Amino acid sequence: MNRRDAIRQVALLMGGALSAGTLSIVLDSCHHTPEQVTDHFTDTHKKTITALADLILPRTNTPGALDAGVPDFVVMMVNECYPDDQRQKFLEGLNAFNQQCETQQGKLFADCAPDQQKTYLTAVEQRVFGQQTPQDSDDAIPYFYRTCKELTLLGYFTSEPGATKDLVYVPIPGKYEGCIPLKPGQHAWAM
């Protein structure tokens, strides 16, 4: 199975965790190959995405987002799969995210100390998912953060470390069993 097929299957499974926009982009990208890819991300953008992915899924007793190469996955998805208008909105949100962080913390997100990053990200998280900002708002930060978080989760759980260390992975599944009881604390199944 190639990575696009795996992403498509996990996207279908994670349908409730992914927005309709991200799910649509992932599924649509399976039907075409990009002709010429331009990297629209600066080094500052990539450092911010790396720091953000590490905070969203840090390394614990299992691998984290950095171990799975998630920052490169996020950049690749936005560069190769997102339409120009949505890519532009993502980049505008990324720039606004950094500018707001610099105003509040005195530094760009990637340059902040870990406690400053957590403080700032907690406020952004509450604003974005606490419904303080309407979904149709012109503020690009919620779009950027929601999309980046979704792509971080998608990239991680479709990677080898995410599927084999964080999920119950069966490389060659046996017979179909429609109802398997889960034990308390058991990980979800991988595809």
C-alpha atoms as a PDB file:
ATOM      1  CA  MET A   1       0.000   0.000   0.000  1.00  0.00           C
ATOM      2  CA  ASN A   2       1.430   3.406  -0.864  1.00  0.00           C
ATOM      3  CA  ARG A   3       1.296   6.444   1.418  1.00  0.00           C
ATOM      4  CA  ARG A   4      -1.567   8.138  -0.474  1.00  0.00           C
ATOM      5  CA  ASP A   5      -3.754   5.041  -0.103  1.00  0.00           C
ATOM      6  CA  ALA A   6      -2.905   4.838   3.588  1.00  0.00           C
ATOM      7  CA  ILE A   7      -3.709   8.514   4.055  1.00  0.00           C
ATOM      8  CA  ARG A   8      -7.005   8.103   2.235  1.00  0.00           C
ATOM      9  CA  GLN A   9      -7.999   5.154   4.448  1.00  0.00           C
ATOM     10  CA  VAL A  10      -6.986   6.869   7.672  1.00  0.00           C
ATOM     11  CA  ALA A  11      -8.717  10.061   6.555  1.00  0.00           C
ATOM     12  CA  LEU A  12     -11.918   8.089   6.119  1.00  0.00           C
ATOM     13  CA  LEU A  13     -11.486   6.513   9.554  1.00  0.00           C
ATOM     14  CA  MET A  14     -10.658   9.855  11.177  1.00  0.00           C
ATOM     15  CA  GLY A  15     -13.551  11.585   9.443  1.00  0.00           C
ATOM     16  CA  GLY A  16     -14.861  12.916  12.731  1.00  0.00           C
ATOM     17  CA  ALA A  17     -11.451  14.289  13.695  1.00  0.00           C
ATOM     18  CA  LEU A  18     -10.789  16.009  10.372  1.00  0.00           C
ATOM     19  CA  SER A  19     -12.647  19.008   9.051  1.00  0.00           C
ATOM     20  CA  ALA A  20     -14.598  18.642   5.849  1.00  0.00           C
ATOM     21  CA  GLY A  21     -12.079  20.887   4.081  1.00  0.00           C
ATOM     22  CA  THR A  22      -9.055  18.821   5.056  1.00  0.00           C
ATOM     23  CA  LEU A  23     -10.848  15.559   4.319  1.00  0.00           C
ATOM     24  CA  SER A  24     -11.904  16.880   0.904  1.00  0.00           C
ATOM     25  CA  ILE A  25      -8.342  17.961   0.082  1.00  0.00           C
ATOM     26  CA  VAL A  26      -6.874  14.627   1.155  1.00  0.00           C
ATOM     27  CA  LEU A  27      -9.378  12.636  -0.877  1.00  0.00           C
ATOM     28  CA  ASP A  28      -9.130  14.917  -3.919  1.00  0.00           C
ATOM     29  CA  SER A  29      -5.330  14.787  -3.891  1.00  0.00           C
ATOM     30  CA  CYS A  30      -5.497  11.044  -4.482  1.00  0.00           C
ATOM     31  CA  HIS A  31      -6.913  11.678  -7.966  1.00  0.00           C
ATOM     32  CA  HIS A  32      -4.114  13.802  -9.375  1.00  0.00           C
ATOM     33  CA  THR A  33      -0.381  14.192  -9.211  1.00  0.00           C
ATOM     34  CA  PRO A  34       1.098  17.658  -8.876  1.00  0.00           C
ATOM     35  CA  GLU A  35       2.936  18.690 -12.013  1.00  0.00           C
ATOM     36  CA  GLN A  36       5.434  21.140 -10.573  1.00  0.00           C
ATOM     37  CA  VAL A  37       5.695  21.723  -6.850  1.00  0.00           C
ATOM     38  CA  THR A  38       6.916  25.012  -5.446  1.00  0.00           C
ATOM     39  CA  ASP A  39       7.987  25.210  -1.824  1.00  0.00           C
ATOM     40  CA  HIS A  40       5.987  28.135  -0.428  1.00  0.00           C
ATOM     41  CA  PHE A  41       7.451  27.815   3.075  1.00  0.00           C
ATOM     42  CA  THR A  42      10.343  29.841   4.478  1.00  0.00           C
ATOM     43  CA  ASP A  43      12.770  28.461   7.056  1.00  0.00           C
ATOM     44  CA  THR A  44      10.887  30.457   9.707  1.00  0.00           C
ATOM     45  CA  HIS A  45       7.611  28.814   8.634  1.00  0.00           C
ATOM     46  CA  LYS A  46       9.187  25.354   8.844  1.00  0.00           C
ATOM     47  CA  LYS A  47      10.668  26.043  12.294  1.00  0.00           C
ATOM     48  CA  THR A  48       7.259  27.190  13.524  1.00  0.00           C
ATOM     49  CA  ILE A  49       5.533  24.077  12.159  1.00  0.00           C
ATOM     50  CA  THR A  50       8.239  21.885  13.721  1.00  0.00           C
ATOM     51  CA  ALA A  51       7.838  23.520  17.145  1.00  0.00           C
ATOM     52  CA  LEU A  52       4.047  23.365  16.873  1.00  0.00           C
ATOM     53  CA  ALA A  53       3.990  19.685  15.854  1.00  0.00           C
ATOM     54  CA  ASP A  54       6.313  18.841  18.748  1.00  0.00           C
ATOM     55  CA  LEU A  55       3.920  20.513  21.195  1.00  0.00           C
ATOM     56  CA  ILE A  56       0.847  18.852  19.689  1.00  0.00           C
ATOM     57  CA  LEU A  57       2.369  15.350  19.771  1.00  0.00           C
ATOM     58  CA  PRO A  58       5.500  15.323  21.941  1.00  0.00           C
ATOM     59  CA  ARG A  59       7.688  12.279  22.446  1.00  0.00           C
ATOM     60  CA  THR A  60       6.670  10.363  25.580  1.00  0.00           C
ATOM     61  CA  ASN A  61       6.974   6.622  26.069  1.00  0.00           C
ATOM     62  CA  THR A  62       5.952   6.461  22.403  1.00  0.00           C
ATOM     63  CA  PRO A  63       7.428   8.370  19.435  1.00  0.00           C
ATOM     64  CA  GLY A  64       6.289  11.939  18.828  1.00  0.00           C
ATOM     65  CA  ALA A  65       5.500  14.018  15.768  1.00  0.00           C
ATOM     66  CA  LEU A  66       9.172  14.791  15.126  1.00  0.00           C
ATOM     67  CA  ASP A  67      10.076  11.084  15.195  1.00  0.00           C
ATOM     68  CA  ALA A  68       7.456  10.467  12.516  1.00  0.00           C
ATOM     69  CA  GLY A  69       8.614  13.321  10.250  1.00  0.00           C
ATOM     70  CA  VAL A  70       5.321  15.175  10.660  1.00  0.00           C
ATOM     71  CA  PRO A  71       6.636  18.711   9.950  1.00  0.00           C
ATOM     72  CA  ASP A  72       7.837  17.613   6.491  1.00  0.00           C
ATOM     73  CA  PHE A  73       4.480  15.905   5.941  1.00  0.00           C
ATOM     74  CA  VAL A  74       2.557  19.113   6.785  1.00  0.00           C
ATOM     75  CA  VAL A  75       4.707  21.162   4.401  1.00  0.00           C
ATOM     76  CA  MET A  76       4.352  18.551   1.646  1.00  0.00           C
ATOM     77  CA  MET A  77       0.577  18.343   2.032  1.00  0.00           C
ATOM     78  CA  VAL A  78       0.079  22.107   1.902  1.00  0.00           C
ATOM     79  CA  ASN A  79       2.527  22.535  -1.006  1.00  0.00           C
ATOM     80  CA  GLU A  80       1.280  19.621  -3.112  1.00  0.00           C
ATOM     81  CA  CYS A  81      -2.359  19.060  -2.219  1.00  0.00           C
ATOM     82  CA  TYR A  82      -3.937  22.348  -1.175  1.00  0.00           C
ATOM     83  CA  PRO A  83      -5.481  24.662  -3.775  1.00  0.00           C
ATOM     84  CA  ASP A  84      -3.794  28.061  -4.101  1.00  0.00           C
ATOM     85  CA  ASP A  85      -6.434  29.964  -2.128  1.00  0.00           C
ATOM     86  CA  GLN A  86      -6.351  27.571   0.828  1.00  0.00           C
ATOM     87  CA  ARG A  87      -2.545  27.383   0.755  1.00  0.00           C
ATOM     88  CA  GLN A  88      -2.451  31.191   0.817  1.00  0.00           C
ATOM     89  CA  LYS A  89      -4.891  31.315   3.744  1.00  0.00           C
ATOM     90  CA  PHE A  90      -2.762  28.740   5.608  1.00  0.00           C
ATOM     91  CA  LEU A  91       0.393  30.805   5.063  1.00  0.00           C
ATOM     92  CA  GLU A  92      -1.390  34.029   6.055  1.00  0.00           C
ATOM     93  CA  GLY A  93      -2.532  32.318   9.249  1.00  0.00           C
ATOM     94  CA  LEU A  94       0.972  31.016   9.909  1.00  0.00           C
ATOM     95  CA  ASN A  95       2.380  34.545   9.526  1.00  0.00           C
ATOM     96  CA  ALA A  96      -0.367  35.995  11.756  1.00  0.00           C
ATOM     97  CA  PHE A  97       0.267  33.235  14.330  1.00  0.00           C
ATOM     98  CA  ASN A  98       3.952  34.216  14.471  1.00  0.00           C
ATOM     99  CA  GLN A  99       3.238  37.964  14.538  1.00  0.00           C
ATOM    100  CA  GLN A 100       0.728  37.578  17.356  1.00  0.00           C
ATOM    101  CA  CYS A 101       3.176  35.411  19.299  1.00  0.00           C
ATOM    102  CA  GLU A 102       5.908  38.014  18.825  1.00  0.00           C
ATOM    103  CA  THR A 103       3.565  40.729  20.097  1.00  0.00           C
ATOM    104  CA  GLN A 104       2.507  38.714  23.151  1.00  0.00           C
ATOM    105  CA  GLN A 105       5.725  36.827  23.990  1.00  0.00           C
ATOM    106  CA  GLY A 106       8.404  39.062  22.457  1.00  0.00           C
ATOM    107  CA  LYS A 107       9.678  36.382  20.054  1.00  0.00           C
ATOM    108  CA  LEU A 108       8.544  34.291  17.121  1.00  0.00           C
ATOM    109  CA  PHE A 109       6.922  31.015  18.193  1.00  0.00           C
ATOM    110  CA  ALA A 110       9.896  28.772  17.373  1.00  0.00           C
ATOM    111  CA  ASP A 111      12.276  31.085  19.276  1.00  0.00           C
ATOM    112  CA  CYS A 112      10.200  31.163  22.472  1.00  0.00           C
ATOM    113  CA  ALA A 113      11.082  29.115  25.543  1.00  0.00           C
ATOM    114  CA  PRO A 114       8.951  25.969  25.973  1.00  0.00           C
ATOM    115  CA  ASP A 115       6.844  27.553  28.744  1.00  0.00           C
ATOM    116  CA  GLN A 116       6.169  30.619  26.554  1.00  0.00           C
ATOM    117  CA  GLN A 117       5.182  28.341  23.651  1.00  0.00           C
ATOM    118  CA  LYS A 118       2.769  26.420  25.888  1.00  0.00           C
ATOM    119  CA  THR A 119       1.241  29.620  27.283  1.00  0.00           C
ATOM    120  CA  TYR A 120       0.712  31.091  23.837  1.00  0.00           C
ATOM    121  CA  LEU A 121      -0.546  27.828  22.325  1.00  0.00           C
ATOM    122  CA  THR A 122      -3.001  27.303  25.183  1.00  0.00           C
ATOM    123  CA  ALA A 123      -4.526  30.728  24.482  1.00  0.00           C
ATOM    124  CA  VAL A 124      -4.721  29.976  20.734  1.00  0.00           C
ATOM    125  CA  GLU A 125      -6.240  26.551  21.416  1.00  0.00           C
ATOM    126  CA  GLN A 126      -8.914  28.041  23.668  1.00  0.00           C
ATOM    127  CA  ARG A 127      -9.706  30.716  21.095  1.00  0.00           C
ATOM    128  CA  VAL A 128      -9.871  28.313  18.150  1.00  0.00           C
ATOM    129  CA  PHE A 129     -11.656  25.369  19.760  1.00  0.00           C
ATOM    130  CA  GLY A 130     -13.476  27.318  22.462  1.00  0.00           C
ATOM    131  CA  GLN A 131     -15.634  28.822  19.696  1.00  0.00           C
ATOM    132  CA  GLN A 132     -14.605  32.375  20.602  1.00  0.00           C
ATOM    133  CA  THR A 133     -13.910  32.937  16.895  1.00  0.00           C
ATOM    134  CA  PRO A 134     -16.681  32.060  14.422  1.00  0.00           C
ATOM    135  CA  GLN A 135     -15.668  29.503  11.766  1.00  0.00           C
ATOM    136  CA  ASP A 136     -16.363  32.026   8.989  1.00  0.00           C
ATOM    137  CA  SER A 137     -14.234  34.757  10.578  1.00  0.00           C
ATOM    138  CA  ASP A 138     -11.650  36.590   8.459  1.00  0.00           C
ATOM    139  CA  ASP A 139      -9.051  35.805  11.151  1.00  0.00           C
ATOM    140  CA  ALA A 140      -6.603  33.420   9.470  1.00  0.00           C
ATOM    141  CA  ILE A 141      -5.085  32.043  12.719  1.00  0.00           C
ATOM    142  CA  PRO A 142      -7.990  29.648  13.479  1.00  0.00           C
ATOM    143  CA  TYR A 143      -7.855  28.227   9.935  1.00  0.00           C
ATOM    144  CA  PHE A 144      -4.081  27.803  10.142  1.00  0.00           C
ATOM    145  CA  TYR A 145      -4.112  26.217  13.588  1.00  0.00           C
ATOM    146  CA  ARG A 146      -7.024  23.865  12.900  1.00  0.00           C
ATOM    147  CA  THR A 147      -5.464  22.736   9.619  1.00  0.00           C
ATOM    148  CA  CYS A 148      -1.978  22.355  11.086  1.00  0.00           C
ATOM    149  CA  LYS A 149      -3.309  20.299  14.003  1.00  0.00           C
ATOM    150  CA  GLU A 150      -5.358  18.070  11.678  1.00  0.00           C
ATOM    151  CA  LEU A 151      -2.390  17.498   9.377  1.00  0.00           C
ATOM    152  CA  THR A 152      -0.160  16.776  12.375  1.00  0.00           C
ATOM    153  CA  LEU A 153      -2.534  14.069  13.580  1.00  0.00           C
ATOM    154  CA  LEU A 154      -3.040  12.681  10.088  1.00  0.00           C
ATOM    155  CA  GLY A 155       0.703  12.623   9.381  1.00  0.00           C
ATOM    156  CA  TYR A 156       1.495  10.966  12.678  1.00  0.00           C
ATOM    157  CA  PHE A 157      -1.136   8.242  12.621  1.00  0.00           C
ATOM    158  CA  THR A 158      -0.365   7.317   8.992  1.00  0.00           C
ATOM    159  CA  SER A 159       3.366   7.062   9.708  1.00  0.00           C
ATOM    160  CA  GLU A 160       5.112   3.858  10.696  1.00  0.00           C
ATOM    161  CA  PRO A 161       5.859   5.016  14.259  1.00  0.00           C
ATOM    162  CA  GLY A 162       2.304   6.282  14.772  1.00  0.00           C
ATOM    163  CA  ALA A 163       0.622   3.176  13.369  1.00  0.00           C
ATOM    164  CA  THR A 164       2.889   0.624  15.023  1.00  0.00           C
ATOM    165  CA  LYS A 165       3.742   2.229  18.382  1.00  0.00           C
ATOM    166  CA  ASP A 166       0.587   4.213  19.244  1.00  0.00           C
ATOM    167  CA  LEU A 167      -2.071   2.082  17.586  1.00  0.00           C
ATOM    168  CA  VAL A 168      -2.656  -1.661  17.659  1.00  0.00           C
ATOM    169  CA  TYR A 169      -1.172  -2.652  14.329  1.00  0.00           C
ATOM    170  CA  VAL A 170      -1.782  -5.987  12.647  1.00  0.00           C
ATOM    171  CA  PRO A 171       0.361  -6.183   9.480  1.00  0.00           C
ATOM    172  CA  ILE A 172      -1.549  -9.170   8.110  1.00  0.00           C
ATOM    173  CA  PRO A 173      -5.031  -9.140   9.562  1.00  0.00           C
ATOM    174  CA  GLY A 174      -6.870 -12.384  10.031  1.00  0.00           C
ATOM    175  CA  LYS A 175     -10.554 -13.005   9.572  1.00  0.00           C
ATOM    176  CA  TYR A 176     -13.074 -10.217   9.859  1.00  0.00           C
ATOM    177  CA  GLU A 177     -14.479  -9.801  13.347  1.00  0.00           C
ATOM    178  CA  GLY A 178     -17.069  -7.037  13.456  1.00  0.00           C
ATOM    179  CA  CYS A 179     -17.285  -6.653  17.210  1.00  0.00           C
ATOM    180  CA  ILE A 180     -14.123  -7.045  19.246  1.00  0.00           C
ATOM    181  CA  PRO A 181     -14.338  -5.947  22.862  1.00  0.00           C
ATOM    182  CA  LEU A 182     -11.698  -3.432  23.953  1.00  0.00           C
ATOM    183  CA  LYS A 183      -9.914  -3.728  27.257  1.00  0.00           C
ATOM    184  CA  PRO A 184      -9.729  -0.610  29.468  1.00  0.00           C
ATOM    185  CA  GLY A 185      -6.764   1.530  28.359  1.00  0.00           C
ATOM    186  CA  GLN A 186      -6.260  -0.404  25.093  1.00  0.00           C
ATOM    187  CA  HIS A 187      -5.064   1.586  22.075  1.00  0.00           C
ATOM    188  CA  ALA A 188      -7.236   2.011  18.999  1.00  0.00           C
ATOM    189  CA  TRP A 189      -6.644  -0.276  16.023  1.00  0.00           C
ATOM    190  CA  ALA A 190      -4.554   0.814  13.041  1.00  0.00           C
ATOM    191  CA  MET A 191      -5.315  -0.030   9.415  1.00  0.00           C
END
